Amino acid sequence: MQSNSDRPVLICDAMNLFVRSYCAYPTMSAHGYQMGGAIGFLKTLRRIVAEIQPSAVYVCWEGGGSSRRRKLLSSYKLNSAPGKLN
């Protein structure tokens, strides 16, 4: 096993991974709730961590943009409205 300084850091775009999992895993709970996003997200993240064995994992959820960034660049996220999933 590599030392921590030799191992990569994993930064996960959580919303992207969640949406991909939501579409790929049609898992439903016993009460009829869609669970594929959460289950697929955790399974995929666990698999990636096992394969890469990073020294650290950062999971980042994007909150729809930043007013500070929009002041710097007015076109920030201008055309990035999410499409319908299903």
C-alpha atoms as a PDB file:
ATOM      1  CA  MET A   1       0.000   0.000   0.000  1.00  0.00           C
ATOM      2  CA  GLN A   2       1.210   3.495  -0.823  1.00  0.00           C
ATOM      3  CA  SER A   3       1.867   6.126   1.813  1.00  0.00           C
ATOM      4  CA  ASN A   4      -0.732   8.895   2.153  1.00  0.00           C
ATOM      5  CA  SER A   5       1.510  11.389   0.358  1.00  0.00           C
ATOM      6  CA  ASP A   6       1.680   9.125  -2.718  1.00  0.00           C
ATOM      7  CA  ARG A   7      -2.050   8.408  -2.902  1.00  0.00           C
ATOM      8  CA  PRO A   8      -4.479  10.656  -4.794  1.00  0.00           C
ATOM      9  CA  VAL A   9      -7.252  12.731  -3.282  1.00  0.00           C
ATOM     10  CA  LEU A  10     -10.748  11.906  -4.546  1.00  0.00           C
ATOM     11  CA  ILE A  11     -13.117  14.829  -5.158  1.00  0.00           C
ATOM     12  CA  CYS A  12     -16.643  13.662  -5.942  1.00  0.00           C
ATOM     13  CA  ASP A  13     -19.228  15.748  -7.806  1.00  0.00           C
ATOM     14  CA  ALA A  14     -22.031  14.368  -5.658  1.00  0.00           C
ATOM     15  CA  MET A  15     -24.995  15.794  -7.558  1.00  0.00           C
ATOM     16  CA  ASN A  16     -23.725  14.367 -10.844  1.00  0.00           C
ATOM     17  CA  LEU A  17     -23.151  10.950  -9.292  1.00  0.00           C
ATOM     18  CA  PHE A  18     -26.545  11.021  -7.557  1.00  0.00           C
ATOM     19  CA  VAL A  19     -28.452  11.896 -10.748  1.00  0.00           C
ATOM     20  CA  ARG A  20     -26.594   9.236 -12.748  1.00  0.00           C
ATOM     21  CA  SER A  21     -27.420   6.691 -10.048  1.00  0.00           C
ATOM     22  CA  TYR A  22     -31.048   7.811  -9.875  1.00  0.00           C
ATOM     23  CA  CYS A  23     -31.430   7.072 -13.589  1.00  0.00           C
ATOM     24  CA  ALA A  24     -29.407   3.831 -13.574  1.00  0.00           C
ATOM     25  CA  TYR A  25     -30.816   2.124 -10.436  1.00  0.00           C
ATOM     26  CA  PRO A  26     -34.621   1.761 -10.455  1.00  0.00           C
ATOM     27  CA  THR A  27     -34.648   0.542  -6.827  1.00  0.00           C
ATOM     28  CA  MET A  28     -37.844   1.158  -4.850  1.00  0.00           C
ATOM     29  CA  SER A  29     -38.373   0.910  -1.090  1.00  0.00           C
ATOM     30  CA  ALA A  30     -41.066  -1.288   0.449  1.00  0.00           C
ATOM     31  CA  HIS A  31     -43.209   1.868   0.726  1.00  0.00           C
ATOM     32  CA  GLY A  32     -42.797   2.779  -2.955  1.00  0.00           C
ATOM     33  CA  TYR A  33     -40.145   5.492  -2.607  1.00  0.00           C
ATOM     34  CA  GLN A  34     -37.418   5.809  -5.265  1.00  0.00           C
ATOM     35  CA  MET A  35     -34.155   4.771  -3.575  1.00  0.00           C
ATOM     36  CA  GLY A  36     -31.925   4.277  -6.624  1.00  0.00           C
ATOM     37  CA  GLY A  37     -30.186   7.638  -6.319  1.00  0.00           C
ATOM     38  CA  ALA A  38     -29.053   7.066  -2.745  1.00  0.00           C
ATOM     39  CA  ILE A  39     -28.237   3.369  -3.101  1.00  0.00           C
ATOM     40  CA  GLY A  40     -26.449   3.793  -6.424  1.00  0.00           C
ATOM     41  CA  PHE A  41     -24.537   6.814  -5.131  1.00  0.00           C
ATOM     42  CA  LEU A  42     -23.208   4.907  -2.109  1.00  0.00           C
ATOM     43  CA  LYS A  43     -22.403   1.724  -4.073  1.00  0.00           C
ATOM     44  CA  THR A  44     -20.565   3.653  -6.773  1.00  0.00           C
ATOM     45  CA  LEU A  45     -18.636   5.808  -4.316  1.00  0.00           C
ATOM     46  CA  ARG A  46     -17.639   2.718  -2.324  1.00  0.00           C
ATOM     47  CA  ARG A  47     -16.417   0.976  -5.505  1.00  0.00           C
ATOM     48  CA  ILE A  48     -14.389   4.004  -6.619  1.00  0.00           C
ATOM     49  CA  VAL A  49     -12.792   4.380  -3.178  1.00  0.00           C
ATOM     50  CA  ALA A  50     -11.883   0.669  -3.147  1.00  0.00           C
ATOM     51  CA  GLU A  51     -10.301   0.915  -6.615  1.00  0.00           C
ATOM     52  CA  ILE A  52      -8.406   4.185  -6.171  1.00  0.00           C
ATOM     53  CA  GLN A  53      -7.659   3.956  -2.421  1.00  0.00           C
ATOM     54  CA  PRO A  54      -7.372   7.736  -2.010  1.00  0.00           C
ATOM     55  CA  SER A  55      -5.720   9.418   0.952  1.00  0.00           C
ATOM     56  CA  ALA A  56      -8.862  11.568   1.384  1.00  0.00           C
ATOM     57  CA  VAL A  57     -12.374  11.795  -0.065  1.00  0.00           C
ATOM     58  CA  TYR A  58     -14.226  15.087  -0.517  1.00  0.00           C
ATOM     59  CA  VAL A  59     -17.886  14.912  -1.492  1.00  0.00           C
ATOM     60  CA  CYS A  60     -19.148  18.231  -2.892  1.00  0.00           C
ATOM     61  CA  TRP A  61     -22.814  19.111  -3.411  1.00  0.00           C
ATOM     62  CA  GLU A  62     -23.425  22.074  -5.668  1.00  0.00           C
ATOM     63  CA  GLY A  63     -26.061  24.485  -4.420  1.00  0.00           C
ATOM     64  CA  GLY A  64     -27.187  26.101  -7.670  1.00  0.00           C
ATOM     65  CA  GLY A  65     -24.610  28.788  -8.092  1.00  0.00           C
ATOM     66  CA  SER A  66     -23.018  31.602  -6.188  1.00  0.00           C
ATOM     67  CA  SER A  67     -24.035  35.262  -6.173  1.00  0.00           C
ATOM     68  CA  ARG A  68     -20.366  36.144  -5.608  1.00  0.00           C
ATOM     69  CA  ARG A  69     -19.395  34.249  -8.781  1.00  0.00           C
ATOM     70  CA  ARG A  70     -22.230  35.856 -10.745  1.00  0.00           C
ATOM     71  CA  LYS A  71     -20.857  39.281  -9.796  1.00  0.00           C
ATOM     72  CA  LEU A  72     -17.447  38.261 -11.161  1.00  0.00           C
ATOM     73  CA  LEU A  73     -18.852  36.609 -14.310  1.00  0.00           C
ATOM     74  CA  SER A  74     -22.414  37.433 -15.307  1.00  0.00           C
ATOM     75  CA  SER A  75     -22.655  34.347 -17.541  1.00  0.00           C
ATOM     76  CA  TYR A  76     -21.879  31.968 -14.626  1.00  0.00           C
ATOM     77  CA  LYS A  77     -24.319  29.047 -14.905  1.00  0.00           C
ATOM     78  CA  LEU A  78     -26.397  31.039 -17.353  1.00  0.00           C
ATOM     79  CA  ASN A  79     -27.483  28.051 -19.455  1.00  0.00           C
ATOM     80  CA  SER A  80     -27.128  25.247 -16.936  1.00  0.00           C
ATOM     81  CA  ALA A  81     -30.741  24.697 -15.900  1.00  0.00           C
ATOM     82  CA  PRO A  82     -31.289  20.989 -15.175  1.00  0.00           C
ATOM     83  CA  GLY A  83     -33.437  18.997 -17.563  1.00  0.00           C
ATOM     84  CA  LYS A  84     -36.186  16.611 -16.533  1.00  0.00           C
ATOM     85  CA  LEU A  85     -34.889  13.253 -15.341  1.00  0.00           C
ATOM     86  CA  ASN A  86     -37.765  11.063 -16.487  1.00  0.00           C
END
